[in-house]
Amino acid sequence: MFSKYLILAGIATYTYYNYMSILKWSNQCYRWLIKIECLNPSYLNKVVQINDKVYYHITLKGRQFITIRKEYDIDTYEQFSKKMALPNGPDNILEADITKTDGSIIDVLDDMKLLCGPYVDQCTKKNKDWIFTYIVDEYNELAKIADIENLSIELINGDTIKLT
């Protein structure tokens, strides 16, 4: 019985004096584990059709996105996510608001974080139609696309994307 307490006291003493190296070793193990591909699967969650447009809900490396392209490349996504020069990723969007034609404002931040896409290039005038179609379907306050005056997306670097 005494030997068990002696071993426990020895482990506690070692841990007390070497806690920083134990934490560093634990952090290295954690970083190694999150790099394993099977822990960050990439797959297609569901397909939604709204009017004549098809929306793909995908999960890439643990992040969810909504896109109109079914094809995605994990290597390209990793390159975009590592570049800090591209500011309109989901983590860099501070505020996203819809201004209706009657002047009221609807906060659409969570949806815009999904709609910015895995390749960080979906919030453009070219994609305005399918973004507005999705938002009109998502929010009961909007009856049709004509109710939207503009979409304003504020980024962390101070830039603003306006879709009208």
N, C-alpha and C. Protein backbone atom coordinates (compact mmCIF):
# COMPACT_ATOMS: atom_id res chain seq x y z
N MET A 1 0.82 -1.18 0.00
CA MET A 1 0.00 0.00 0.00
C MET A 1 0.87 1.26 0.00
N PHE A 2 1.91 1.21 0.82
CA PHE A 2 2.81 2.36 0.91
C PHE A 2 3.53 2.60 -0.42
N SER A 3 3.83 1.51 -1.15
CA SER A 3 4.55 1.66 -2.43
C SER A 3 3.68 2.37 -3.47
N LYS A 4 2.37 2.18 -3.42
CA LYS A 4 1.48 2.87 -4.35
C LYS A 4 1.51 4.38 -4.11
N TYR A 5 1.50 4.78 -2.85
CA TYR A 5 1.57 6.20 -2.53
C TYR A 5 2.92 6.79 -2.89
N LEU A 6 3.96 6.01 -2.75
CA LEU A 6 5.30 6.45 -3.09
C LEU A 6 5.42 6.67 -4.61
N ILE A 7 4.85 5.75 -5.38
CA ILE A 7 4.86 5.91 -6.85
C ILE A 7 4.03 7.12 -7.25
N LEU A 8 2.87 7.28 -6.64
CA LEU A 8 2.01 8.43 -6.94
C LEU A 8 2.71 9.74 -6.58
N ALA A 9 3.41 9.78 -5.46
CA ALA A 9 4.14 10.98 -5.06
C ALA A 9 5.28 11.26 -6.03
N GLY A 10 5.92 10.23 -6.53
CA GLY A 10 6.99 10.40 -7.50
C GLY A 10 6.48 10.96 -8.82
N ILE A 11 5.35 10.45 -9.29
CA ILE A 11 4.74 10.95 -10.53
C ILE A 11 4.31 12.40 -10.35
N ALA A 12 3.72 12.71 -9.21
CA ALA A 12 3.27 14.08 -8.94
C ALA A 12 4.46 15.04 -8.88
N THR A 13 5.54 14.62 -8.27
CA THR A 13 6.74 15.47 -8.19
C THR A 13 7.34 15.69 -9.56
N TYR A 14 7.43 14.62 -10.35
CA TYR A 14 7.97 14.76 -11.71
C TYR A 14 7.10 15.70 -12.54
N THR A 15 5.78 15.54 -12.44
CA THR A 15 4.86 16.40 -13.18
C THR A 15 4.97 17.85 -12.74
N TYR A 16 5.10 18.08 -11.46
CA TYR A 16 5.21 19.44 -10.94
C TYR A 16 6.45 20.16 -11.48
N TYR A 17 7.57 19.49 -11.50
CA TYR A 17 8.82 20.13 -11.92
C TYR A 17 9.01 20.15 -13.44
N ASN A 18 8.26 19.34 -14.18
CA ASN A 18 8.42 19.25 -15.63
C ASN A 18 7.13 19.55 -16.39
N TYR A 19 6.25 20.34 -15.80
CA TYR A 19 4.95 20.57 -16.43
C TYR A 19 5.06 21.28 -17.78
N MET A 20 6.04 22.16 -17.96
CA MET A 20 6.18 22.87 -19.25
C MET A 20 6.57 21.91 -20.36
N SER A 21 7.50 21.02 -20.11
CA SER A 21 7.90 20.07 -21.16
C SER A 21 6.78 19.08 -21.44
N ILE A 22 5.99 18.73 -20.43
CA ILE A 22 4.84 17.84 -20.64
C ILE A 22 3.79 18.54 -21.49
N LEU A 23 3.55 19.82 -21.23
CA LEU A 23 2.58 20.58 -22.03
C LEU A 23 3.05 20.73 -23.47
N LYS A 24 4.35 20.99 -23.67
CA LYS A 24 4.88 21.09 -25.03
C LYS A 24 4.74 19.77 -25.77
N TRP A 25 5.03 18.68 -25.10
CA TRP A 25 4.88 17.37 -25.73
C TRP A 25 3.41 17.10 -26.07
N SER A 26 2.50 17.45 -25.18
CA SER A 26 1.06 17.28 -25.43
C SER A 26 0.62 18.12 -26.62
N ASN A 27 1.12 19.34 -26.72
CA ASN A 27 0.78 20.21 -27.85
C ASN A 27 1.29 19.62 -29.16
N GLN A 28 2.50 19.06 -29.17
CA GLN A 28 3.02 18.44 -30.38
C GLN A 28 2.17 17.24 -30.79
N CYS A 29 1.74 16.45 -29.83
CA CYS A 29 0.86 15.31 -30.14
C CYS A 29 -0.46 15.79 -30.71
N TYR A 30 -1.02 16.83 -30.14
CA TYR A 30 -2.28 17.39 -30.64
C TYR A 30 -2.12 17.89 -32.08
N ARG A 31 -1.06 18.64 -32.36
CA ARG A 31 -0.83 19.16 -33.72
C ARG A 31 -0.64 18.02 -34.70
N TRP A 32 -0.01 16.94 -34.28
CA TRP A 32 0.16 15.79 -35.15
C TRP A 32 -1.19 15.13 -35.43
N LEU A 33 -2.05 15.05 -34.41
CA LEU A 33 -3.35 14.42 -34.59
C LEU A 33 -4.26 15.22 -35.51
N ILE A 34 -4.25 16.56 -35.43
CA ILE A 34 -5.16 17.33 -36.28
C ILE A 34 -4.72 17.34 -37.73
N LYS A 35 -3.49 16.94 -38.02
CA LYS A 35 -3.04 16.85 -39.41
C LYS A 35 -3.49 15.57 -40.09
N ILE A 36 -3.97 14.61 -39.33
CA ILE A 36 -4.42 13.35 -39.91
C ILE A 36 -5.70 13.62 -40.69
N GLU A 37 -5.74 13.18 -41.93
CA GLU A 37 -6.86 13.48 -42.83
C GLU A 37 -8.18 12.87 -42.36
N CYS A 38 -8.15 11.71 -41.73
CA CYS A 38 -9.41 11.07 -41.35
C CYS A 38 -10.13 11.84 -40.24
N LEU A 39 -9.43 12.70 -39.52
CA LEU A 39 -10.07 13.50 -38.48
C LEU A 39 -10.72 14.76 -39.05
N ASN A 40 -10.36 15.15 -40.27
CA ASN A 40 -10.95 16.31 -40.94
C ASN A 40 -11.52 15.88 -42.28
N PRO A 41 -12.62 15.16 -42.28
CA PRO A 41 -13.14 14.66 -43.55
C PRO A 41 -13.72 15.78 -44.42
N SER A 42 -13.74 15.53 -45.71
CA SER A 42 -14.33 16.45 -46.66
C SER A 42 -15.40 15.69 -47.43
N TYR A 43 -16.62 16.20 -47.39
CA TYR A 43 -17.70 15.47 -48.04
C TYR A 43 -18.85 16.41 -48.36
N LEU A 44 -19.77 15.90 -49.17
CA LEU A 44 -20.97 16.62 -49.56
C LEU A 44 -22.07 16.28 -48.57
N ASN A 45 -22.60 17.28 -47.86
CA ASN A 45 -23.64 17.04 -46.86
C ASN A 45 -25.00 16.81 -47.50
N LYS A 46 -25.43 17.80 -48.30
CA LYS A 46 -26.74 17.70 -48.93
C LYS A 46 -26.79 18.61 -50.14
N VAL A 47 -27.78 18.35 -50.97
CA VAL A 47 -28.01 19.15 -52.17
C VAL A 47 -29.40 19.75 -52.05
N VAL A 48 -29.49 21.07 -52.21
CA VAL A 48 -30.76 21.78 -52.10
C VAL A 48 -31.02 22.49 -53.43
N GLN A 49 -32.24 22.35 -53.92
CA GLN A 49 -32.61 23.05 -55.15
C GLN A 49 -33.65 24.11 -54.81
N ILE A 50 -33.30 25.36 -55.13
CA ILE A 50 -34.20 26.49 -54.91
C ILE A 50 -34.45 27.12 -56.28
N ASN A 51 -35.71 27.12 -56.67
CA ASN A 51 -36.11 27.56 -58.01
C ASN A 51 -35.31 26.76 -59.03
N ASP A 52 -34.51 27.40 -59.84
CA ASP A 52 -33.73 26.69 -60.86
C ASP A 52 -32.26 26.55 -60.48
N LYS A 53 -31.91 26.90 -59.26
CA LYS A 53 -30.51 26.87 -58.82
C LYS A 53 -30.27 25.72 -57.85
N VAL A 54 -29.09 25.12 -57.96
CA VAL A 54 -28.71 24.01 -57.09
C VAL A 54 -27.62 24.47 -56.13
N TYR A 55 -27.80 24.20 -54.85
CA TYR A 55 -26.86 24.59 -53.81
C TYR A 55 -26.30 23.33 -53.17
N TYR A 56 -24.98 23.27 -53.07
CA TYR A 56 -24.31 22.12 -52.46
C TYR A 56 -23.80 22.54 -51.09
N HIS A 57 -24.23 21.84 -50.07
CA HIS A 57 -23.74 22.06 -48.72
C HIS A 57 -22.60 21.07 -48.52
N ILE A 58 -21.38 21.61 -48.39
CA ILE A 58 -20.21 20.75 -48.28
C ILE A 58 -19.48 21.01 -46.96
N THR A 59 -18.71 20.04 -46.54
CA THR A 59 -17.83 20.18 -45.38
C THR A 59 -16.42 19.95 -45.86
N LEU A 60 -15.56 20.92 -45.63
CA LEU A 60 -14.17 20.84 -46.04
C LEU A 60 -13.30 21.08 -44.82
N LYS A 61 -12.54 20.10 -44.42
CA LYS A 61 -11.62 20.23 -43.28
C LYS A 61 -12.34 20.73 -42.03
N GLY A 62 -13.54 20.23 -41.79
CA GLY A 62 -14.28 20.61 -40.60
C GLY A 62 -15.07 21.90 -40.71
N ARG A 63 -15.00 22.61 -41.84
CA ARG A 63 -15.76 23.85 -42.05
C ARG A 63 -16.88 23.58 -43.03
N GLN A 64 -18.03 24.20 -42.78
CA GLN A 64 -19.17 24.04 -43.68
C GLN A 64 -19.26 25.22 -44.61
N PHE A 65 -19.63 24.93 -45.86
CA PHE A 65 -19.81 25.94 -46.89
C PHE A 65 -21.02 25.60 -47.74
N ILE A 66 -21.54 26.63 -48.40
CA ILE A 66 -22.59 26.44 -49.39
C ILE A 66 -22.02 26.97 -50.70
N THR A 67 -22.10 26.17 -51.73
CA THR A 67 -21.52 26.56 -53.01
C THR A 67 -22.39 26.07 -54.16
N ILE A 68 -22.14 26.61 -55.34
CA ILE A 68 -22.88 26.15 -56.51
C ILE A 68 -22.05 25.15 -57.31
N ARG A 69 -20.80 24.97 -56.92
CA ARG A 69 -19.94 24.00 -57.60
C ARG A 69 -19.82 22.75 -56.74
N LYS A 70 -20.13 21.63 -57.33
CA LYS A 70 -20.03 20.38 -56.61
C LYS A 70 -18.57 19.95 -56.44
N GLU A 71 -17.75 20.31 -57.39
CA GLU A 71 -16.35 19.93 -57.36
C GLU A 71 -15.58 20.87 -56.44
N TYR A 72 -14.72 20.32 -55.66
CA TYR A 72 -13.85 21.13 -54.82
C TYR A 72 -12.52 20.40 -54.68
N ASP A 73 -11.49 21.17 -54.48
CA ASP A 73 -10.14 20.63 -54.39
C ASP A 73 -9.57 21.01 -53.03
N ILE A 74 -9.20 20.02 -52.25
CA ILE A 74 -8.71 20.28 -50.89
C ILE A 74 -7.39 21.03 -50.91
N ASP A 75 -6.52 20.73 -51.86
CA ASP A 75 -5.23 21.43 -51.94
C ASP A 75 -5.42 22.91 -52.22
N THR A 76 -6.32 23.24 -53.15
CA THR A 76 -6.60 24.65 -53.44
C THR A 76 -7.20 25.34 -52.23
N TYR A 77 -8.10 24.66 -51.53
CA TYR A 77 -8.70 25.24 -50.32
C TYR A 77 -7.63 25.53 -49.27
N GLU A 78 -6.70 24.62 -49.07
CA GLU A 78 -5.64 24.84 -48.09
C GLU A 78 -4.75 26.02 -48.47
N GLN A 79 -4.47 26.17 -49.78
CA GLN A 79 -3.66 27.31 -50.22
C GLN A 79 -4.38 28.62 -49.94
N PHE A 80 -5.68 28.69 -50.25
CA PHE A 80 -6.45 29.90 -49.98
C PHE A 80 -6.56 30.19 -48.49
N SER A 81 -6.77 29.15 -47.69
CA SER A 81 -6.94 29.39 -46.26
C SER A 81 -5.64 29.83 -45.59
N LYS A 82 -4.50 29.48 -46.15
CA LYS A 82 -3.21 29.88 -45.57
C LYS A 82 -2.79 31.27 -45.99
N LYS A 83 -3.33 31.79 -47.10
CA LYS A 83 -2.95 33.12 -47.56
C LYS A 83 -3.70 34.17 -46.77
N MET A 84 -2.99 35.13 -46.27
CA MET A 84 -3.63 36.22 -45.55
C MET A 84 -3.97 37.38 -46.48
N ALA A 85 -3.52 37.31 -47.74
CA ALA A 85 -3.77 38.39 -48.68
C ALA A 85 -5.23 38.41 -49.14
N LEU A 86 -5.92 37.29 -49.02
CA LEU A 86 -7.32 37.22 -49.43
C LEU A 86 -8.20 37.42 -48.21
N PRO A 87 -8.80 38.59 -48.05
CA PRO A 87 -9.47 38.91 -46.79
C PRO A 87 -10.90 38.44 -46.66
N ASN A 88 -11.53 37.90 -47.69
CA ASN A 88 -12.95 37.60 -47.53
C ASN A 88 -13.21 36.11 -47.28
N GLY A 89 -12.48 35.57 -46.32
CA GLY A 89 -12.77 34.23 -45.82
C GLY A 89 -13.82 34.33 -44.74
N PRO A 90 -14.36 33.21 -44.30
CA PRO A 90 -15.42 33.26 -43.30
C PRO A 90 -14.98 33.88 -41.97
N ASP A 91 -13.74 33.71 -41.60
CA ASP A 91 -13.28 34.28 -40.33
C ASP A 91 -13.01 35.77 -40.43
N ASN A 92 -12.89 36.29 -41.63
CA ASN A 92 -12.56 37.71 -41.82
C ASN A 92 -13.78 38.58 -42.10
N ILE A 93 -14.96 38.02 -42.07
CA ILE A 93 -16.19 38.80 -42.27
C ILE A 93 -16.68 39.27 -40.90
N LEU A 94 -16.72 40.58 -40.71
CA LEU A 94 -17.16 41.13 -39.43
C LEU A 94 -18.67 41.33 -39.37
N GLU A 95 -19.22 41.78 -40.47
CA GLU A 95 -20.64 42.13 -40.48
C GLU A 95 -21.19 41.94 -41.89
N ALA A 96 -22.42 41.44 -41.97
CA ALA A 96 -23.09 41.28 -43.26
C ALA A 96 -24.56 41.63 -43.05
N ASP A 97 -25.03 42.64 -43.80
CA ASP A 97 -26.40 43.12 -43.64
C ASP A 97 -27.07 43.25 -44.99
N ILE A 98 -28.36 42.92 -45.00
CA ILE A 98 -29.23 43.14 -46.15
C ILE A 98 -30.05 44.39 -45.85
N THR A 99 -30.03 45.34 -46.77
CA THR A 99 -30.90 46.51 -46.66
C THR A 99 -32.08 46.28 -47.59
N LYS A 100 -33.29 46.28 -47.01
CA LYS A 100 -34.48 46.09 -47.82
C LYS A 100 -34.89 47.40 -48.47
N THR A 101 -35.78 47.33 -49.44
CA THR A 101 -36.22 48.53 -50.16
C THR A 101 -36.99 49.48 -49.24
N ASP A 102 -37.58 48.95 -48.16
CA ASP A 102 -38.29 49.83 -47.22
C ASP A 102 -37.36 50.44 -46.17
N GLY A 103 -36.06 50.14 -46.24
CA GLY A 103 -35.08 50.74 -45.34
C GLY A 103 -34.70 49.90 -44.14
N SER A 104 -35.42 48.82 -43.88
CA SER A 104 -35.07 47.97 -42.74
C SER A 104 -33.84 47.12 -43.06
N ILE A 105 -33.16 46.70 -42.01
CA ILE A 105 -31.91 45.97 -42.17
C ILE A 105 -32.04 44.58 -41.54
N ILE A 106 -31.53 43.58 -42.25
CA ILE A 106 -31.54 42.20 -41.77
C ILE A 106 -30.09 41.74 -41.65
N ASP A 107 -29.73 41.18 -40.49
CA ASP A 107 -28.38 40.67 -40.27
C ASP A 107 -28.28 39.27 -40.88
N VAL A 108 -27.36 39.08 -41.83
CA VAL A 108 -27.18 37.80 -42.51
C VAL A 108 -25.74 37.29 -42.36
N LEU A 109 -25.12 37.60 -41.24
CA LEU A 109 -23.71 37.26 -41.03
C LEU A 109 -23.45 35.75 -41.11
N ASP A 110 -24.24 34.96 -40.41
CA ASP A 110 -24.01 33.52 -40.38
C ASP A 110 -24.16 32.90 -41.77
N ASP A 111 -25.15 33.34 -42.53
CA ASP A 111 -25.33 32.81 -43.87
C ASP A 111 -24.21 33.24 -44.80
N MET A 112 -23.72 34.46 -44.67
CA MET A 112 -22.63 34.91 -45.53
C MET A 112 -21.33 34.18 -45.22
N LYS A 113 -21.14 33.77 -43.98
CA LYS A 113 -19.96 32.97 -43.66
C LYS A 113 -20.02 31.61 -44.35
N LEU A 114 -21.22 31.09 -44.53
CA LEU A 114 -21.37 29.84 -45.27
C LEU A 114 -21.26 30.07 -46.78
N LEU A 115 -21.83 31.18 -47.25
CA LEU A 115 -21.89 31.45 -48.69
C LEU A 115 -20.60 32.00 -49.27
N CYS A 116 -19.64 32.39 -48.44
CA CYS A 116 -18.39 32.94 -49.02
C CYS A 116 -17.62 31.87 -49.75
N GLY A 117 -17.90 30.61 -49.49
CA GLY A 117 -17.36 29.53 -50.28
C GLY A 117 -15.98 29.07 -49.90
N PRO A 118 -15.66 27.86 -50.28
CA PRO A 118 -14.35 27.31 -49.91
C PRO A 118 -13.20 27.97 -50.65
N TYR A 119 -13.48 28.54 -51.81
CA TYR A 119 -12.40 29.15 -52.58
C TYR A 119 -12.35 30.65 -52.40
N VAL A 120 -13.08 31.20 -51.44
CA VAL A 120 -13.00 32.58 -51.00
C VAL A 120 -13.28 33.58 -52.12
N ASP A 121 -14.00 33.18 -53.13
CA ASP A 121 -14.24 34.09 -54.25
C ASP A 121 -15.70 34.13 -54.67
N GLN A 122 -16.61 33.76 -53.81
CA GLN A 122 -18.01 33.69 -54.21
C GLN A 122 -18.79 34.97 -53.96
N CYS A 123 -18.31 35.87 -53.15
CA CYS A 123 -19.04 37.10 -52.85
C CYS A 123 -18.72 38.15 -53.90
N THR A 124 -19.17 37.93 -55.11
CA THR A 124 -18.91 38.84 -56.23
C THR A 124 -20.20 39.16 -56.94
N LYS A 125 -20.15 40.17 -57.79
CA LYS A 125 -21.33 40.56 -58.57
C LYS A 125 -21.76 39.44 -59.51
N LYS A 126 -20.81 38.62 -59.95
CA LYS A 126 -21.12 37.50 -60.84
C LYS A 126 -22.05 36.49 -60.14
N ASN A 127 -21.86 36.31 -58.85
CA ASN A 127 -22.65 35.33 -58.09
C ASN A 127 -23.80 35.97 -57.31
N LYS A 128 -24.06 37.24 -57.55
CA LYS A 128 -25.09 37.97 -56.81
C LYS A 128 -26.45 37.30 -56.91
N ASP A 129 -26.82 36.83 -58.08
CA ASP A 129 -28.15 36.25 -58.30
C ASP A 129 -28.40 35.02 -57.42
N TRP A 130 -27.45 34.10 -57.40
CA TRP A 130 -27.70 32.89 -56.60
C TRP A 130 -27.55 33.15 -55.10
N ILE A 131 -26.74 34.13 -54.70
CA ILE A 131 -26.64 34.50 -53.28
C ILE A 131 -27.97 35.11 -52.83
N PHE A 132 -28.51 36.03 -53.62
CA PHE A 132 -29.79 36.66 -53.27
C PHE A 132 -30.92 35.63 -53.27
N THR A 133 -30.92 34.69 -54.20
CA THR A 133 -31.96 33.65 -54.24
C THR A 133 -31.92 32.82 -52.96
N TYR A 134 -30.74 32.47 -52.51
CA TYR A 134 -30.60 31.70 -51.27
C TYR A 134 -31.10 32.50 -50.07
N ILE A 135 -30.72 33.77 -50.00
CA ILE A 135 -31.11 34.60 -48.86
C ILE A 135 -32.62 34.82 -48.82
N VAL A 136 -33.24 35.03 -49.98
CA VAL A 136 -34.69 35.21 -50.03
C VAL A 136 -35.39 33.95 -49.57
N ASP A 137 -34.88 32.79 -49.94
CA ASP A 137 -35.47 31.53 -49.50
C ASP A 137 -35.27 31.30 -48.01
N GLU A 138 -34.17 31.79 -47.45
CA GLU A 138 -33.81 31.56 -46.05
C GLU A 138 -34.58 32.46 -45.09
N TYR A 139 -34.88 33.69 -45.48
CA TYR A 139 -35.49 34.66 -44.56
C TYR A 139 -36.94 34.94 -44.94
N ASN A 140 -37.82 34.87 -43.94
CA ASN A 140 -39.25 35.10 -44.17
C ASN A 140 -39.57 36.57 -44.42
N GLU A 141 -38.68 37.47 -43.99
CA GLU A 141 -38.92 38.90 -44.17
C GLU A 141 -38.83 39.32 -45.64
N LEU A 142 -38.23 38.49 -46.45
CA LEU A 142 -38.04 38.81 -47.87
C LEU A 142 -38.97 37.93 -48.71
N ALA A 143 -39.78 38.56 -49.54
CA ALA A 143 -40.70 37.81 -50.39
C ALA A 143 -40.09 37.49 -51.75
N LYS A 144 -39.27 38.41 -52.26
CA LYS A 144 -38.66 38.21 -53.57
C LYS A 144 -37.35 38.98 -53.63
N ILE A 145 -36.56 38.71 -54.66
CA ILE A 145 -35.25 39.35 -54.80
C ILE A 145 -35.38 40.86 -54.93
N ALA A 146 -36.47 41.33 -55.49
CA ALA A 146 -36.68 42.77 -55.66
C ALA A 146 -36.80 43.50 -54.31
N ASP A 147 -37.05 42.77 -53.23
CA ASP A 147 -37.12 43.39 -51.89
C ASP A 147 -35.74 43.77 -51.37
N ILE A 148 -34.68 43.22 -51.96
CA ILE A 148 -33.32 43.50 -51.49
C ILE A 148 -32.77 44.71 -52.23
N GLU A 149 -32.44 45.75 -51.48
CA GLU A 149 -31.81 46.92 -52.09
C GLU A 149 -30.32 46.68 -52.27
N ASN A 150 -29.65 46.21 -51.19
CA ASN A 150 -28.23 45.86 -51.32
C ASN A 150 -27.80 44.93 -50.20
N LEU A 151 -26.69 44.27 -50.44
CA LEU A 151 -26.03 43.42 -49.46
C LEU A 151 -24.68 44.04 -49.17
N SER A 152 -24.41 44.33 -47.92
CA SER A 152 -23.15 44.96 -47.53
C SER A 152 -22.39 44.01 -46.62
N ILE A 153 -21.15 43.69 -47.03
CA ILE A 153 -20.29 42.79 -46.26
C ILE A 153 -19.07 43.58 -45.82
N GLU A 154 -18.88 43.70 -44.51
CA GLU A 154 -17.73 44.42 -43.95
C GLU A 154 -16.66 43.41 -43.57
N LEU A 155 -15.44 43.66 -44.03
CA LEU A 155 -14.33 42.75 -43.78
C LEU A 155 -13.43 43.27 -42.67
N ILE A 156 -12.62 42.41 -42.15
CA ILE A 156 -11.76 42.74 -41.01
C ILE A 156 -10.69 43.78 -41.37
N ASN A 157 -10.31 43.86 -42.65
CA ASN A 157 -9.27 44.82 -43.06
C ASN A 157 -9.85 46.19 -43.39
N GLY A 158 -11.17 46.38 -43.20
CA GLY A 158 -11.78 47.68 -43.44
C GLY A 158 -12.47 47.79 -44.78
N ASP A 159 -12.27 46.83 -45.67
CA ASP A 159 -12.95 46.86 -46.97
C ASP A 159 -14.41 46.49 -46.82
N THR A 160 -15.20 46.94 -47.80
CA THR A 160 -16.62 46.63 -47.83
C THR A 160 -16.97 46.09 -49.21
N ILE A 161 -17.70 44.99 -49.23
CA ILE A 161 -18.22 44.44 -50.49
C ILE A 161 -19.69 44.77 -50.52
N LYS A 162 -20.12 45.46 -51.58
CA LYS A 162 -21.53 45.81 -51.73
C LYS A 162 -22.06 45.16 -53.00
N LEU A 163 -23.13 44.42 -52.84
CA LEU A 163 -23.82 43.82 -53.97
C LEU A 163 -25.20 44.47 -54.05
N THR A 164 -25.49 45.10 -55.17
CA THR A 164 -26.78 45.78 -55.35
C THR A 164 -27.53 45.20 -56.50
